[in-house]
């Protein structure tokens, strides 16, 4: 299969955020244009990434990993940007986590060599593709999840027929009753583990997996207790499988860790003694860009419970912003802006106005005063209430912080990366 190089990607005005009439340019040379978002060199709405915040967040995570002893396989579905995948790998990430076969296909086209599919591998075409890649590339290191004997048998049958010359590596998933995938009880999990062992040498049980982000509770303290209990269940599965010698040769992988509780994951798994070497893998996808609402709240909670995290320096900063124009002030207490549900996520909180800028007047963005609040979004419009004395007028630019980066990234194929003066220094492409 032909690999795609970043140098081959181009930018032109078919992409949202690129000025009309702009001549096509290689993506890797976008900084040569010296476009500046505040100078109105690009149309709004515009999603952008702050280079300084990305660098800060990357350095913070490296310090966390060094202190915790864990390794990182960030969830690529957050950004679906192979350029950011490569940056994370260059920063020392152990691999890239993905959620479905389409995402794997993108990652493989850009040469990603270690992938954790944090999901079950099902379906003729998905299984065929993965087995074909494993046969064609001996350096491709792939892991998928299993949570049922039926799933194990399906994979074993396909792997025997494919004759890939090595085992398909699987992780046994533990789950929570009433929530997503994963074996609900220790007995159910052990039946799956024994089925994998029986399918050797075409399958190999390499570890145990769970996703604690599915756990919910009314208060942070109750959520942390439930997360710890769930992760203890994952440890119980691993210990039981180790006692029966069901794991394949090599380090046993213990992996969990979304972007909210990865400190608890690292601490809990570090205490699991299997009598053999283990590898602790966390999978936070949102650490690199962070956000202004949901993960900011989770980070505040993480810092409150972790002395070690508080000792790592300034916490992660929001790197992702969406800018829009005020296009109408039809009432004294309301403005309508040129962005909507097609431009920013809204599932975990509406975008929050943070900065404003008046072209031709301001030299740098100004903080948005209290009393300005997003109240509604349509497909292409955002409704913001404001004090009657607010200075905002038609043509002003507003910079919004967002919640849950995953569902803003998926609305943009092109996202410029800017310096602190909002001059474009590079850009990324996404592939959703």
Protein backbone atom coordinates (compact mmCIF):
# COMPACT_ATOMS: atom_id res chain seq x y z
CA UNK A 1 0.00 0.00 0.00
CA UNK A 2 1.26 3.46 -0.93
CA UNK A 3 1.96 5.57 2.13
CA UNK A 4 0.87 9.21 2.15
CA UNK A 5 3.48 11.82 3.02
CA UNK A 6 2.61 15.09 4.68
CA UNK A 7 4.44 16.91 1.88
CA UNK A 8 1.88 15.60 -0.60
CA UNK A 9 -1.09 17.23 1.15
CA UNK A 10 -2.28 20.51 -0.32
CA UNK A 11 -4.46 23.38 0.85
CA UNK A 12 -6.84 25.37 -1.33
CA UNK A 13 -10.11 27.24 -1.00
CA UNK A 14 -12.27 24.14 -1.16
CA UNK A 15 -11.39 23.75 2.54
CA UNK A 16 -13.32 25.72 5.16
CA UNK A 17 -11.08 28.37 6.67
CA UNK A 18 -9.00 28.99 3.53
CA UNK A 19 -9.53 32.39 1.85
CA UNK A 20 -11.34 32.32 -1.48
CA UNK A 21 -9.07 32.45 -4.50
CA UNK A 22 -6.01 31.28 -2.59
CA UNK A 23 -3.67 29.39 -4.88
CA UNK A 24 -3.11 25.76 -3.89
CA UNK A 25 -0.14 25.32 -1.55
CA UNK A 26 1.48 22.30 0.09
CA UNK A 27 0.18 21.97 3.62
CA UNK A 28 3.72 21.87 5.02
CA UNK A 29 4.44 25.32 3.51
CA UNK A 30 1.33 27.08 4.80
CA UNK A 31 3.42 29.22 7.17
CA UNK A 32 4.98 30.93 4.15
CA UNK A 33 1.71 32.79 3.55
CA UNK A 34 2.05 34.65 6.89
CA UNK A 35 -1.72 34.73 7.21
CA UNK A 36 -2.92 36.29 10.45
CA UNK A 37 -6.34 35.47 11.88
CA UNK A 38 -6.76 38.86 13.55
CA UNK A 39 -5.79 40.69 10.35
CA UNK A 40 -8.77 38.97 8.68
CA UNK A 41 -6.52 37.10 6.28
CA UNK A 42 -8.83 34.07 6.61
CA UNK A 43 -12.61 33.89 6.64
CA UNK A 44 -14.51 33.27 9.86
CA UNK A 45 -15.67 31.07 11.44
CA UNK A 46 -12.22 29.65 11.94
CA UNK A 47 -10.96 26.92 14.25
CA UNK A 48 -7.33 27.33 15.18
CA UNK A 49 -4.70 25.81 17.44
CA UNK A 50 -2.30 27.79 19.63
CA UNK A 51 1.24 26.47 19.09
CA UNK A 52 2.44 27.57 22.52
CA UNK A 53 -0.37 25.73 24.31
CA UNK A 54 0.29 22.52 22.37
CA UNK A 55 3.96 22.65 23.31
CA UNK A 56 3.11 23.36 26.95
CA UNK A 57 0.60 20.49 27.12
CA UNK A 58 2.99 18.08 25.46
CA UNK A 59 5.72 18.90 27.96
CA UNK A 60 3.30 18.55 30.89
CA UNK A 61 2.26 15.06 29.77
CA UNK A 62 5.89 14.00 29.36
CA UNK A 63 6.50 15.02 32.96
CA UNK A 64 3.40 13.13 34.11
CA UNK A 65 4.50 9.96 32.33
CA UNK A 66 7.98 10.22 33.80
CA UNK A 67 6.53 10.54 37.30
CA UNK A 68 3.90 7.80 36.93
CA UNK A 69 5.85 5.11 35.10
CA UNK A 70 3.08 4.75 32.51
CA UNK A 71 3.37 5.00 28.73
CA UNK A 72 0.95 6.80 26.43
CA UNK A 73 -1.06 5.57 23.46
CA UNK A 74 -3.21 8.68 22.88
CA UNK A 75 -6.63 8.18 21.36
CA UNK A 76 -6.32 9.41 17.80
CA UNK A 77 -10.08 9.76 17.29
CA UNK A 78 -9.85 13.07 19.17
CA UNK A 79 -8.08 14.86 16.33
CA UNK A 80 -7.87 12.35 13.46
CA UNK A 81 -4.83 14.31 12.37
CA UNK A 82 -1.89 12.13 11.32
CA UNK A 83 0.39 15.14 11.79
CA UNK A 84 -0.57 15.30 15.45
CA UNK A 85 -0.24 11.50 15.70
CA UNK A 86 3.34 11.84 14.48
CA UNK A 87 4.04 14.67 16.87
CA UNK A 88 2.81 12.53 19.75
CA UNK A 89 4.98 9.62 18.62
CA UNK A 90 7.98 11.93 18.25
CA UNK A 91 7.29 13.07 21.82
CA UNK A 92 7.65 9.46 22.97
CA UNK A 93 4.13 8.01 22.71
CA UNK A 94 4.18 4.20 22.75
CA UNK A 95 1.49 3.93 20.06
CA UNK A 96 -1.77 5.41 18.82
CA UNK A 97 -5.22 4.29 19.96
CA UNK A 98 -8.10 4.28 17.48
CA UNK A 99 -11.80 3.45 17.64
CA UNK A 100 -12.85 1.88 14.34
CA UNK A 101 -11.58 0.44 11.08
CA UNK A 102 -11.90 3.70 9.11
CA UNK A 103 -9.58 5.41 11.57
CA UNK A 104 -7.12 2.53 11.34
CA UNK A 105 -7.07 2.80 7.56
CA UNK A 106 -6.16 6.48 7.79
CA UNK A 107 -3.42 5.83 10.32
CA UNK A 108 -1.92 3.02 8.25
CA UNK A 109 -1.85 5.16 5.10
CA UNK A 110 0.32 7.60 7.05
CA UNK A 111 2.62 4.86 8.31
CA UNK A 112 1.53 4.43 11.95
CA UNK A 113 3.18 1.19 13.11
CA UNK A 114 1.65 0.51 16.54
CA UNK A 115 -2.13 0.73 16.92
CA UNK A 116 -4.47 -0.20 19.75
CA UNK A 117 -8.03 -0.65 18.52
CA UNK A 118 -9.94 0.21 21.70
CA UNK A 119 -12.91 -1.70 20.40
CA UNK A 120 -13.94 -5.11 19.15
CA UNK A 121 -12.73 -6.06 15.68
CA UNK A 122 -15.85 -7.32 13.89
CA UNK A 123 -17.10 -7.62 10.34
CA UNK A 124 -15.67 -9.26 7.26
CA UNK A 125 -14.01 -6.20 5.74
CA UNK A 126 -12.55 -4.88 8.99
CA UNK A 127 -11.03 -8.23 9.95
CA UNK A 128 -9.74 -8.82 6.42
CA UNK A 129 -8.06 -5.43 6.28
CA UNK A 130 -6.25 -5.84 9.59
CA UNK A 131 -5.07 -9.36 8.80
CA UNK A 132 -3.88 -8.25 5.35
CA UNK A 133 -1.89 -5.42 6.95
CA UNK A 134 -0.35 -7.78 9.50
CA UNK A 135 0.65 -10.21 6.75
CA UNK A 136 2.11 -7.51 4.51
CA UNK A 137 4.02 -5.61 7.21
CA UNK A 138 5.95 -7.60 9.85
CA UNK A 139 6.61 -4.34 11.71
CA UNK A 140 2.92 -3.58 12.23
CA UNK A 141 2.16 -4.02 15.95
CA UNK A 142 -1.63 -4.27 16.40
CA UNK A 143 -3.95 -4.96 19.34
CA UNK A 144 -7.74 -5.27 19.48
CA UNK A 145 -10.28 -6.03 22.20
CA UNK A 146 -12.31 -9.16 22.92
CA UNK A 147 -15.15 -9.51 25.41
CA UNK A 148 -16.98 -12.67 24.34
CA UNK A 149 -16.21 -16.27 23.43
CA UNK A 150 -18.12 -15.72 20.18
CA UNK A 151 -15.87 -12.81 19.29
CA UNK A 152 -12.78 -14.86 20.05
CA UNK A 153 -13.98 -17.70 17.84
CA UNK A 154 -14.77 -15.32 14.97
CA UNK A 155 -11.26 -13.82 15.08
CA UNK A 156 -9.60 -17.22 15.46
CA UNK A 157 -11.42 -18.61 12.43
CA UNK A 158 -10.41 -15.63 10.29
CA UNK A 159 -6.80 -15.68 11.52
CA UNK A 160 -6.40 -19.40 10.77
CA UNK A 161 -7.66 -18.88 7.23
CA UNK A 162 -5.48 -15.81 6.66
CA UNK A 163 -2.23 -17.54 7.68
CA UNK A 164 -0.50 -14.30 8.67
CA UNK A 165 2.45 -16.14 10.22
CA UNK A 166 2.05 -14.69 13.73
CA UNK A 167 -0.69 -14.36 16.35
CA UNK A 168 -3.36 -11.70 16.28
CA UNK A 169 -2.81 -9.88 19.60
CA UNK A 170 -5.88 -9.24 21.73
CA UNK A 171 -6.67 -7.48 24.99
CA UNK A 172 -9.45 -8.78 27.21
CA UNK A 173 -11.95 -6.00 27.92
CA UNK A 174 -13.69 -5.60 31.25
CA UNK A 175 -16.89 -3.59 31.30
CA UNK A 176 -19.64 -2.12 33.45
CA UNK A 177 -23.21 -3.40 33.63
CA UNK A 178 -25.56 -1.22 31.63
CA UNK A 179 -22.79 0.63 29.85
CA UNK A 180 -20.58 -0.13 26.84
CA UNK A 181 -18.69 -3.23 25.76
CA UNK A 182 -16.66 -5.46 28.07
CA UNK A 183 -17.12 -8.60 30.16
CA UNK A 184 -19.32 -7.80 33.14
CA UNK A 185 -18.09 -10.41 35.61
CA UNK A 186 -14.85 -12.15 36.46
CA UNK A 187 -16.33 -15.51 35.42
CA UNK A 188 -17.35 -14.11 32.02
CA UNK A 189 -13.92 -12.54 31.53
CA UNK A 190 -12.13 -15.78 32.40
CA UNK A 191 -14.21 -17.73 29.89
CA UNK A 192 -13.02 -15.30 27.22
CA UNK A 193 -9.39 -15.51 28.38
CA UNK A 194 -9.46 -19.31 28.27
CA UNK A 195 -10.98 -19.21 24.78
CA UNK A 196 -8.10 -17.01 23.60
CA UNK A 197 -5.57 -19.42 25.11
CA UNK A 198 -7.31 -22.34 23.38
CA UNK A 199 -7.03 -20.47 20.07
CA UNK A 200 -3.23 -20.24 20.31
CA UNK A 201 -1.14 -19.85 18.20
CA UNK A 202 -3.46 -17.82 15.96
CA UNK A 203 -4.50 -15.56 18.86
CA UNK A 204 -2.42 -14.25 21.76
CA UNK A 205 -3.76 -12.71 24.96
CA UNK A 206 -1.49 -9.72 25.62
CA UNK A 207 -3.30 -7.93 28.41
CA UNK A 208 -6.46 -6.53 29.96
CA UNK A 209 -8.26 -3.33 29.05
CA UNK A 210 -11.06 -1.10 30.29
CA UNK A 211 -12.42 2.38 29.81
CA UNK A 212 -13.21 4.13 33.06
CA UNK A 213 -14.79 7.12 31.31
CA UNK A 214 -18.08 5.20 31.11
CA UNK A 215 -18.38 5.36 34.91
CA UNK A 216 -20.59 8.15 36.20
CA UNK A 217 -21.74 9.38 39.60
CA UNK A 218 -23.44 12.46 41.08
CA UNK A 219 -20.29 13.92 42.66
CA UNK A 220 -16.57 13.90 41.83
CA UNK A 221 -15.78 11.95 45.00
CA UNK A 222 -18.34 9.26 44.15
CA UNK A 223 -17.08 9.11 40.56
CA UNK A 224 -13.49 8.67 41.72
CA UNK A 225 -14.54 5.87 44.05
CA UNK A 226 -16.45 4.09 41.28
CA UNK A 227 -13.55 4.53 38.84
CA UNK A 228 -11.15 3.05 41.38
CA UNK A 229 -13.51 0.13 41.94
CA UNK A 230 -13.80 -0.51 38.20
CA UNK A 231 -10.05 -0.37 37.71
CA UNK A 232 -9.73 -2.83 40.59
CA UNK A 233 -11.96 -5.18 38.60
CA UNK A 234 -9.58 -4.89 35.63
CA UNK A 235 -6.72 -5.78 37.99
CA UNK A 236 -8.68 -8.78 39.31
CA UNK A 237 -9.11 -10.08 35.75
CA UNK A 238 -5.39 -9.68 35.09
CA UNK A 239 -4.41 -11.49 38.30
CA UNK A 240 -6.79 -14.38 37.61
CA UNK A 241 -5.51 -14.75 34.03
CA UNK A 242 -1.91 -14.65 35.26
CA UNK A 243 -2.58 -17.38 37.83
CA UNK A 244 -3.82 -19.65 35.04
CA UNK A 245 -0.91 -18.68 32.77
CA UNK A 246 -3.26 -17.45 30.06
CA UNK A 247 -1.15 -14.51 28.88
CA UNK A 248 1.17 -14.85 25.90
CA UNK A 249 4.91 -14.28 26.11
CA UNK A 250 6.01 -10.71 26.77
CA UNK A 251 4.98 -7.90 29.07
CA UNK A 252 1.35 -7.98 30.16
CA UNK A 253 -0.41 -4.80 29.06
CA UNK A 254 -2.77 -3.09 31.50
CA UNK A 255 -4.51 -0.24 29.76
CA UNK A 256 -7.27 2.27 30.42
CA UNK A 257 -7.32 6.00 30.84
CA UNK A 258 -9.43 8.50 28.98
CA UNK A 259 -8.73 12.18 29.56
CA UNK A 260 -10.36 12.52 32.97
CA UNK A 261 -8.96 9.88 35.34
CA UNK A 262 -5.64 8.77 33.91
CA UNK A 263 -3.87 9.58 37.16
CA UNK A 264 -6.07 7.06 38.98
CA UNK A 265 -5.42 4.54 36.21
CA UNK A 266 -1.66 4.89 36.52
CA UNK A 267 -1.74 4.71 40.32
CA UNK A 268 -4.12 1.73 40.48
CA UNK A 269 -2.42 -0.34 37.80
CA UNK A 270 1.02 0.30 39.28
CA UNK A 271 -0.14 -1.63 42.36
CA UNK A 272 -1.21 -4.73 40.37
CA UNK A 273 1.37 -7.48 40.94
CA UNK A 274 1.12 -10.27 38.35
CA UNK A 275 4.43 -11.88 39.13
CA UNK A 276 5.76 -10.82 35.74
CA UNK A 277 6.58 -7.64 33.84
CA UNK A 278 3.70 -5.32 33.04
CA UNK A 279 3.29 -2.30 30.80
CA UNK A 280 0.90 0.41 31.98
CA UNK A 281 -0.68 2.19 29.03
CA UNK A 282 -2.90 5.26 29.40
CA UNK A 283 -4.83 6.55 26.41
CA UNK A 284 -5.74 10.20 26.97
CA UNK A 285 -6.60 11.78 23.63
CA UNK A 286 -7.51 15.30 24.76
CA UNK A 287 -4.38 16.20 26.74
CA UNK A 288 -2.64 17.77 23.74
CA UNK A 289 -5.29 20.39 22.99
CA UNK A 290 -7.20 20.34 26.29
CA UNK A 291 -10.36 22.50 26.34
CA UNK A 292 -12.06 25.37 28.15
CA UNK A 293 -14.92 23.55 29.89
CA UNK A 294 -15.21 19.81 30.37
CA UNK A 295 -11.57 18.75 30.53
CA UNK A 296 -10.61 21.93 32.34
CA UNK A 297 -13.05 20.82 35.07
CA UNK A 298 -11.61 17.30 35.07
CA UNK A 299 -8.08 18.70 35.28
CA UNK A 300 -9.06 20.82 38.28
CA UNK A 301 -10.31 17.63 39.95
CA UNK A 302 -7.16 15.71 38.99
CA UNK A 303 -4.95 18.40 40.51
CA UNK A 304 -7.07 18.48 43.67
CA UNK A 305 -6.53 14.75 44.30
CA UNK A 306 -2.93 14.37 43.10
CA UNK A 307 0.03 15.91 44.92
CA UNK A 308 2.30 14.54 42.20
CA UNK A 309 0.33 16.25 39.41
CA UNK A 310 0.38 19.57 41.26
CA UNK A 311 4.17 19.32 41.32
CA UNK A 312 4.45 19.14 37.52
CA UNK A 313 4.14 22.87 36.89
CA UNK A 314 1.36 24.85 35.25
CA UNK A 315 -1.43 22.49 34.13
CA UNK A 316 -2.51 21.97 30.51
CA UNK A 317 -3.93 24.98 28.68
CA UNK A 318 -6.70 25.19 26.04
CA UNK A 319 -5.09 25.13 22.60
CA UNK A 320 -8.24 24.95 20.46
CA UNK A 321 -10.29 28.09 19.78
CA UNK A 322 -13.04 28.97 17.31
CA UNK A 323 -13.38 32.57 16.12
CA UNK A 324 -16.47 34.18 14.59
CA UNK A 325 -17.80 37.59 13.61
CA UNK A 326 -20.62 39.46 15.23
CA UNK A 327 -22.99 39.64 12.28
CA UNK A 328 -26.04 41.20 13.92
CA UNK A 329 -27.07 42.99 17.10
CA UNK A 330 -30.84 42.93 16.59
CA UNK A 331 -31.60 43.64 20.26
CA UNK A 332 -29.63 45.57 22.92
CA UNK A 333 -28.98 42.41 24.92
CA UNK A 334 -28.22 39.96 22.13
CA UNK A 335 -25.78 39.43 19.27
CA UNK A 336 -25.78 36.77 16.57
CA UNK A 337 -22.44 35.35 15.43
CA UNK A 338 -21.26 33.58 12.30
CA UNK A 339 -20.69 30.12 13.79
CA UNK A 340 -22.92 27.25 14.77
CA UNK A 341 -23.22 23.52 15.29
CA UNK A 342 -21.36 22.92 12.01
CA UNK A 343 -18.31 24.67 13.48
CA UNK A 344 -18.02 23.79 17.18
CA UNK A 345 -19.04 21.01 19.52
CA UNK A 346 -21.99 21.53 21.83
CA UNK A 347 -22.59 18.10 23.39
CA UNK A 348 -20.66 18.87 26.58
CA UNK A 349 -21.38 22.58 26.90
CA UNK A 350 -21.87 25.49 24.55
CA UNK A 351 -18.78 27.43 23.45
CA UNK A 352 -17.73 30.14 25.89
CA UNK A 353 -16.75 33.66 24.71
CA UNK A 354 -13.24 34.43 25.91
CA UNK A 355 -11.69 37.17 23.76
CA UNK A 356 -12.86 39.85 21.40
CA UNK A 357 -11.06 41.93 18.79
CA UNK A 358 -12.12 44.95 16.73
CA UNK A 359 -10.21 45.07 13.43
CA UNK A 360 -8.59 48.43 12.88
CA UNK A 361 -8.91 49.41 16.53
CA UNK A 362 -7.39 46.78 18.79
CA UNK A 363 -3.78 45.66 18.66
CA UNK A 364 -4.46 42.44 20.57
CA UNK A 365 -7.49 40.47 21.75
CA UNK A 366 -9.35 41.84 24.76
CA UNK A 367 -10.96 39.70 27.47
CA UNK A 368 -14.72 39.33 27.19
CA UNK A 369 -16.34 40.96 30.21
CA UNK A 370 -18.65 39.03 32.57
CA UNK A 371 -22.28 38.89 31.50
CA UNK A 372 -21.63 37.67 27.96
CA UNK A 373 -22.91 34.11 27.49
CA UNK A 374 -23.71 31.74 24.65
CA UNK A 375 -27.35 30.67 24.99
CA UNK A 376 -28.16 28.79 21.77
CA UNK A 377 -26.67 27.45 18.56
CA UNK A 378 -28.27 26.73 15.19
CA UNK A 379 -26.48 25.08 12.30
CA UNK A 380 -24.72 28.30 11.27
CA UNK A 381 -25.63 30.84 13.96
CA UNK A 382 -24.66 31.37 17.58
CA UNK A 383 -26.85 33.40 19.95
CA UNK A 384 -25.03 35.31 22.66
CA UNK A 385 -26.68 37.34 25.41
CA UNK A 386 -24.80 40.36 26.71
CA UNK A 387 -25.22 43.40 28.94
CA UNK A 388 -26.94 46.32 27.29
CA UNK A 389 -23.76 48.38 27.77
CA UNK A 390 -21.59 45.84 25.96
CA UNK A 391 -19.36 47.49 23.34
CA UNK A 392 -19.81 44.65 20.82
CA UNK A 393 -20.90 45.69 17.35
CA UNK A 394 -21.26 44.18 13.90
CA UNK A 395 -17.86 43.20 12.51
CA UNK A 396 -16.21 42.50 15.86
CA UNK A 397 -14.42 39.17 16.20
CA UNK A 398 -15.06 36.86 19.15
CA UNK A 399 -12.79 33.98 20.18
CA UNK A 400 -14.56 31.06 21.84
CA UNK A 401 -13.26 28.28 24.01
CA UNK A 402 -14.87 24.89 23.42
CA UNK A 403 -15.75 21.76 25.36
CA UNK A 404 -14.91 18.18 24.30
CA UNK A 405 -12.32 18.72 21.54
CA UNK A 406 -13.34 15.55 19.68
CA UNK A 407 -16.56 17.11 18.44
CA UNK A 408 -14.98 20.32 17.24
CA UNK A 409 -12.08 18.70 15.40
CA UNK A 410 -14.51 16.60 13.36
CA UNK A 411 -16.04 19.75 11.86
CA UNK A 412 -12.82 20.97 10.26
CA UNK A 413 -10.61 19.42 7.57
CA UNK A 414 -8.10 22.28 7.82
CA UNK A 415 -6.99 23.86 11.09
CA UNK A 416 -4.22 26.47 11.16
CA UNK A 417 -1.69 26.51 13.97
CA UNK A 418 -0.90 30.04 15.13
CA UNK A 419 1.67 31.75 17.30
CA UNK A 420 0.67 34.02 20.16
CA UNK A 421 0.10 36.92 17.75
CA UNK A 422 -2.31 34.72 15.73
CA UNK A 423 0.02 34.47 12.74
CA UNK A 424 -0.23 31.09 11.04
CA UNK A 425 2.96 29.09 11.45
CA UNK A 426 1.69 25.71 10.23
CA UNK A 427 -1.54 23.79 9.78
CA UNK A 428 -3.02 20.33 10.15
CA UNK A 429 -5.42 18.25 8.08
CA UNK A 430 -7.99 15.98 9.68
CA UNK A 431 -9.47 12.80 8.21
CA UNK A 432 -12.88 12.00 9.72
